Amino acid sequence: MAVLQLFGMFSPKRLENGDIVDYFHTGEMGTLYKTIVWLGFALLTIGLGYLLVENIFRAKTKLHDVITNLVVVIAVLVMLPFGTNLFSQFVMAGAQEIVGSNGSNVTSIAVQPVQNNIVDTVALAQKGFKVDPSKLDGQMTKYNGIDQNTIGYLDLSEVVASDNLKTNAIPKGVDNVFKHRVKMGAETNQYTVEDATLPSKQNQLTKAFDSVYPRYTGHFVIADLQLLLLACMFG
């Protein structure tokens, strides 16, 4: 196929709308190629059916060796290139889906499990908490700034601190939310409001046992499972 492309055969064509037509489906050579493939499918089906009948009745005929060779030749010369073409199209389509159509917002597929399952509390505060928590599933990417450039520096043990609120320009009135936490009393089994420790800077180690708001929340277990699944797929 690479040799034929040098002579201008099987070359892809770009339509007016920008789409590229697969070279296997265009021109006289494309028609010839499809005819050969369909003929190969037909002969392969007949050959395999013949061998199956032989195997069922456990009797070899005079045509056994001929049919066996025919099946092998068709599988190698016709089906293998056809399967390779389908696989290459599948890989190209998958790569295009990952990187996007324009290539300007290229992101790693390994970042997506973290993007899709983690919420940045500060991002919610920027929206004034006007978000229905029950509708966050599938939309968590909108409420975090995690991408391939920042994920390497992401510290999921961070807490909301005063410098977070200043740096991200949290609307006035919303910042008061972080100064109080809702807690259920063990004795009364009632919810009470307690003062939260709002550190001046992000420092999870010194505030590990204090009442603070976590910076990031979400489905961490699901994110880890998806990352593990990706690792197994790539492996």
Protein backbone atom coordinates (compact mmCIF):
# COMPACT_ATOMS: atom_id res chain seq x y z
CA MET A 1 0.00 0.00 0.00
CA ALA A 2 2.89 2.36 0.77
CA VAL A 3 4.31 1.67 -2.72
CA LEU A 4 0.95 2.33 -4.37
CA GLN A 5 0.67 5.63 -2.50
CA LEU A 6 3.93 6.74 -4.11
CA PHE A 7 2.18 6.45 -7.49
CA GLY A 8 -0.82 8.45 -6.31
CA MET A 9 -3.06 5.44 -5.69
CA PHE A 10 -5.04 5.04 -2.47
CA SER A 11 -4.24 8.65 -1.57
CA PRO A 12 -6.63 10.25 0.95
CA LYS A 13 -8.90 13.05 -0.25
CA ARG A 14 -10.02 16.12 1.72
CA LEU A 15 -13.64 17.18 1.26
CA GLU A 16 -14.92 20.77 1.21
CA ASN A 17 -16.01 20.52 4.86
CA GLY A 18 -12.49 19.53 5.87
CA ASP A 19 -13.17 15.82 6.40
CA ILE A 20 -10.64 13.36 5.03
CA VAL A 21 -12.14 10.48 3.08
CA ASP A 22 -10.53 7.10 3.68
CA TYR A 23 -8.48 6.16 0.62
CA PHE A 24 -9.81 2.59 0.75
CA HIS A 25 -13.28 3.83 -0.13
CA THR A 26 -12.42 6.15 -3.05
CA GLY A 27 -11.55 5.72 -6.69
CA GLU A 28 -11.27 2.68 -8.92
CA MET A 29 -8.45 1.19 -6.85
CA GLY A 30 -10.64 1.44 -3.76
CA THR A 31 -13.43 -0.41 -5.56
CA LEU A 32 -10.98 -3.11 -6.66
CA TYR A 33 -9.65 -3.43 -3.12
CA LYS A 34 -13.13 -3.85 -1.65
CA THR A 35 -14.02 -6.41 -4.33
CA ILE A 36 -10.93 -8.45 -3.48
CA VAL A 37 -11.75 -8.30 0.23
CA TRP A 38 -15.37 -9.41 -0.24
CA LEU A 39 -14.21 -12.21 -2.56
CA GLY A 40 -11.67 -13.22 0.09
CA PHE A 41 -14.39 -13.24 2.75
CA ALA A 42 -16.59 -15.45 0.58
CA LEU A 43 -13.82 -17.94 -0.23
CA LEU A 44 -12.66 -17.99 3.38
CA THR A 45 -16.20 -18.70 4.59
CA ILE A 46 -16.59 -21.53 2.08
CA GLY A 47 -13.20 -22.99 2.96
CA LEU A 48 -13.79 -22.86 6.70
CA GLY A 49 -17.25 -24.35 6.24
CA TYR A 50 -15.79 -27.19 4.19
CA LEU A 51 -13.16 -27.94 6.85
CA LEU A 52 -15.82 -27.77 9.56
CA VAL A 53 -17.97 -30.35 7.79
CA GLU A 54 -14.91 -32.57 7.38
CA ASN A 55 -14.16 -32.27 11.08
CA ILE A 56 -17.74 -33.10 12.06
CA PHE A 57 -17.79 -36.30 10.02
CA ARG A 58 -14.11 -36.99 10.83
CA ALA A 59 -13.33 -37.78 7.21
CA LYS A 60 -10.68 -36.14 5.04
CA THR A 61 -11.41 -35.78 1.34
CA LYS A 62 -9.05 -35.40 -1.59
CA LEU A 63 -9.55 -31.62 -1.46
CA HIS A 64 -8.51 -31.33 2.19
CA ASP A 65 -4.94 -30.16 1.53
CA VAL A 66 -6.06 -27.80 -1.24
CA ILE A 67 -8.77 -26.20 0.90
CA THR A 68 -6.39 -25.87 3.87
CA ASN A 69 -3.78 -24.12 1.73
CA LEU A 70 -6.48 -21.88 0.25
CA VAL A 71 -7.67 -20.82 3.71
CA VAL A 72 -4.10 -20.05 4.85
CA VAL A 73 -3.30 -18.05 1.70
CA ILE A 74 -6.51 -16.00 1.95
CA ALA A 75 -5.95 -15.35 5.65
CA VAL A 76 -2.42 -14.08 5.03
CA LEU A 77 -2.84 -12.18 1.75
CA VAL A 78 -6.34 -10.73 2.19
CA MET A 79 -7.56 -10.90 5.77
CA LEU A 80 -4.31 -9.86 7.48
CA PRO A 81 -3.96 -6.57 5.49
CA PHE A 82 -7.70 -5.93 5.93
CA GLY A 83 -7.47 -6.49 9.69
CA THR A 84 -4.36 -4.31 9.91
CA ASN A 85 -6.20 -1.52 8.12
CA LEU A 86 -9.17 -1.75 10.48
CA PHE A 87 -6.86 -1.75 13.50
CA SER A 88 -4.94 1.31 12.24
CA GLN A 89 -8.21 3.17 11.68
CA PHE A 90 -9.31 2.27 15.22
CA VAL A 91 -6.02 3.51 16.69
CA MET A 92 -6.14 6.75 14.69
CA ALA A 93 -9.74 7.39 15.74
CA GLY A 94 -8.86 6.76 19.39
CA ALA A 95 -5.85 9.07 19.21
CA GLN A 96 -7.98 11.78 17.58
CA GLU A 97 -10.58 11.42 20.35
CA ILE A 98 -7.90 11.83 23.02
CA VAL A 99 -6.05 14.85 21.60
CA GLY A 100 -9.11 16.62 20.18
CA SER A 101 -9.80 17.85 16.68
CA ASN A 102 -7.73 21.03 16.70
CA GLY A 103 -4.86 19.87 18.90
CA SER A 104 -4.88 23.13 20.87
CA ASN A 105 -6.21 21.61 24.09
CA VAL A 106 -4.15 18.45 24.16
CA THR A 107 -4.38 16.63 27.47
CA SER A 108 -3.14 13.30 28.69
CA ILE A 109 -5.72 10.56 29.04
CA ALA A 110 -4.05 9.65 32.36
CA VAL A 111 -5.18 13.01 33.81
CA GLN A 112 -8.87 12.41 33.08
CA PRO A 113 -9.67 10.10 36.04
CA VAL A 114 -8.40 12.79 38.41
CA GLN A 115 -10.18 15.59 36.54
CA ASN A 116 -13.48 13.74 36.44
CA ASN A 117 -13.61 12.63 40.08
CA ILE A 118 -12.15 15.44 42.19
CA VAL A 119 -13.67 18.78 43.18
CA ASP A 120 -11.72 21.86 44.25
CA THR A 121 -13.61 23.50 47.12
CA VAL A 122 -12.13 26.88 46.21
CA ALA A 123 -13.54 26.53 42.69
CA LEU A 124 -16.98 25.93 44.21
CA ALA A 125 -16.55 29.02 46.38
CA GLN A 126 -15.76 31.10 43.29
CA LYS A 127 -19.19 30.10 41.99
CA GLY A 128 -20.74 31.19 45.29
CA PHE A 129 -21.57 27.57 46.09
CA LYS A 130 -24.49 27.84 43.67
CA VAL A 131 -23.97 24.25 42.65
CA ASP A 132 -26.23 21.28 43.34
CA PRO A 133 -23.95 18.63 44.90
CA SER A 134 -26.17 15.85 43.59
CA LYS A 135 -25.51 17.02 40.01
CA LEU A 136 -21.74 17.22 40.29
CA ASP A 137 -21.16 13.72 38.93
CA GLY A 138 -19.90 14.04 35.37
CA GLN A 139 -19.26 17.78 35.81
CA MET A 140 -16.38 17.77 38.29
CA THR A 141 -13.94 18.85 35.58
CA LYS A 142 -15.67 22.25 35.60
CA TYR A 143 -14.81 22.75 39.28
CA ASN A 144 -11.08 22.09 39.31
CA GLY A 145 -8.09 23.39 37.44
CA ILE A 146 -6.33 20.04 37.18
CA ASP A 147 -4.55 19.43 33.89
CA GLN A 148 -1.36 17.79 32.68
CA ASN A 149 0.64 20.89 33.63
CA THR A 150 -0.59 21.07 37.23
CA ILE A 151 -1.21 17.45 38.19
CA GLY A 152 2.48 16.90 38.92
CA TYR A 153 2.33 19.57 41.63
CA LEU A 154 -1.10 18.63 42.97
CA ASP A 155 -1.17 18.14 46.74
CA LEU A 156 -4.43 16.45 47.69
CA SER A 157 -3.66 16.99 51.38
CA GLU A 158 -4.03 20.76 51.01
CA VAL A 159 -6.55 22.64 53.13
CA VAL A 160 -8.41 25.88 52.47
CA ALA A 161 -6.34 28.73 53.89
CA SER A 162 -6.60 32.52 53.96
CA ASP A 163 -4.13 32.87 51.11
CA ASN A 164 -6.35 30.60 49.00
CA LEU A 165 -9.25 32.99 49.44
CA LYS A 166 -7.19 36.07 48.61
CA THR A 167 -5.40 34.59 45.63
CA ASN A 168 -8.59 33.23 44.06
CA ALA A 169 -10.71 36.32 44.77
CA ILE A 170 -13.45 34.50 46.66
CA PRO A 171 -16.62 36.67 46.74
CA LYS A 172 -17.32 38.51 49.98
CA GLY A 173 -19.71 36.67 52.26
CA VAL A 174 -18.75 33.31 50.81
CA ASP A 175 -15.44 33.34 52.68
CA ASN A 176 -17.39 33.21 55.97
CA VAL A 177 -18.48 29.68 55.11
CA PHE A 178 -14.95 28.41 55.70
CA LYS A 179 -14.86 29.75 59.24
CA HIS A 180 -17.52 27.34 60.48
CA ARG A 181 -18.04 23.60 60.23
CA VAL A 182 -21.09 21.45 60.80
CA LYS A 183 -20.48 18.65 63.28
CA MET A 184 -22.77 15.97 64.68
CA GLY A 185 -22.60 15.59 68.43
CA ALA A 186 -21.97 12.06 69.66
CA GLU A 187 -24.09 12.52 72.75
CA THR A 188 -27.04 14.47 71.39
CA ASN A 189 -26.93 13.07 67.86
CA GLN A 190 -27.67 16.61 66.67
CA TYR A 191 -25.82 18.82 64.23
CA THR A 192 -23.98 21.75 65.73
CA VAL A 193 -21.82 24.49 64.25
CA GLU A 194 -18.26 24.80 65.43
CA ASP A 195 -15.51 27.24 64.61
CA ALA A 196 -13.09 25.95 62.00
CA THR A 197 -9.38 26.62 62.07
CA LEU A 198 -8.56 28.64 58.98
CA PRO A 199 -4.77 28.69 58.60
CA SER A 200 -3.10 31.70 57.07
CA LYS A 201 -1.22 29.50 54.62
CA GLN A 202 -1.53 25.99 53.25
CA ASN A 203 0.23 23.73 55.71
CA GLN A 204 -1.43 20.37 56.14
CA LEU A 205 1.25 18.97 58.47
CA THR A 206 0.75 21.55 61.21
CA LYS A 207 -3.04 21.52 60.79
CA ALA A 208 -3.51 17.77 60.51
CA PHE A 209 -5.47 17.46 63.76
CA ASP A 210 -7.30 20.77 63.59
CA SER A 211 -10.79 21.41 62.27
CA VAL A 212 -10.10 22.61 58.72
CA TYR A 213 -11.74 22.42 55.32
CA PRO A 214 -10.09 20.05 52.83
CA ARG A 215 -9.10 21.77 49.60
CA TYR A 216 -9.95 18.76 47.41
CA THR A 217 -12.81 16.30 47.81
CA GLY A 218 -14.37 13.71 45.53
CA HIS A 219 -14.37 10.09 44.52
CA PHE A 220 -10.75 9.24 45.24
CA VAL A 221 -11.31 5.47 45.24
CA ILE A 222 -12.97 5.61 41.82
CA ALA A 223 -10.16 7.78 40.48
CA ASP A 224 -7.58 5.28 41.73
CA LEU A 225 -9.50 2.38 40.19
CA GLN A 226 -9.71 4.16 36.83
CA LEU A 227 -5.98 4.93 36.92
CA LEU A 228 -5.27 1.28 37.73
CA LEU A 229 -7.48 0.19 34.84
CA LEU A 230 -5.62 2.54 32.49
CA ALA A 231 -2.30 1.16 33.71
CA CYS A 232 -3.47 -2.39 33.00
CA MET A 233 -4.69 -1.40 29.52
CA PHE A 234 -1.40 0.27 28.63
CA GLY A 235 0.50 -2.65 30.18
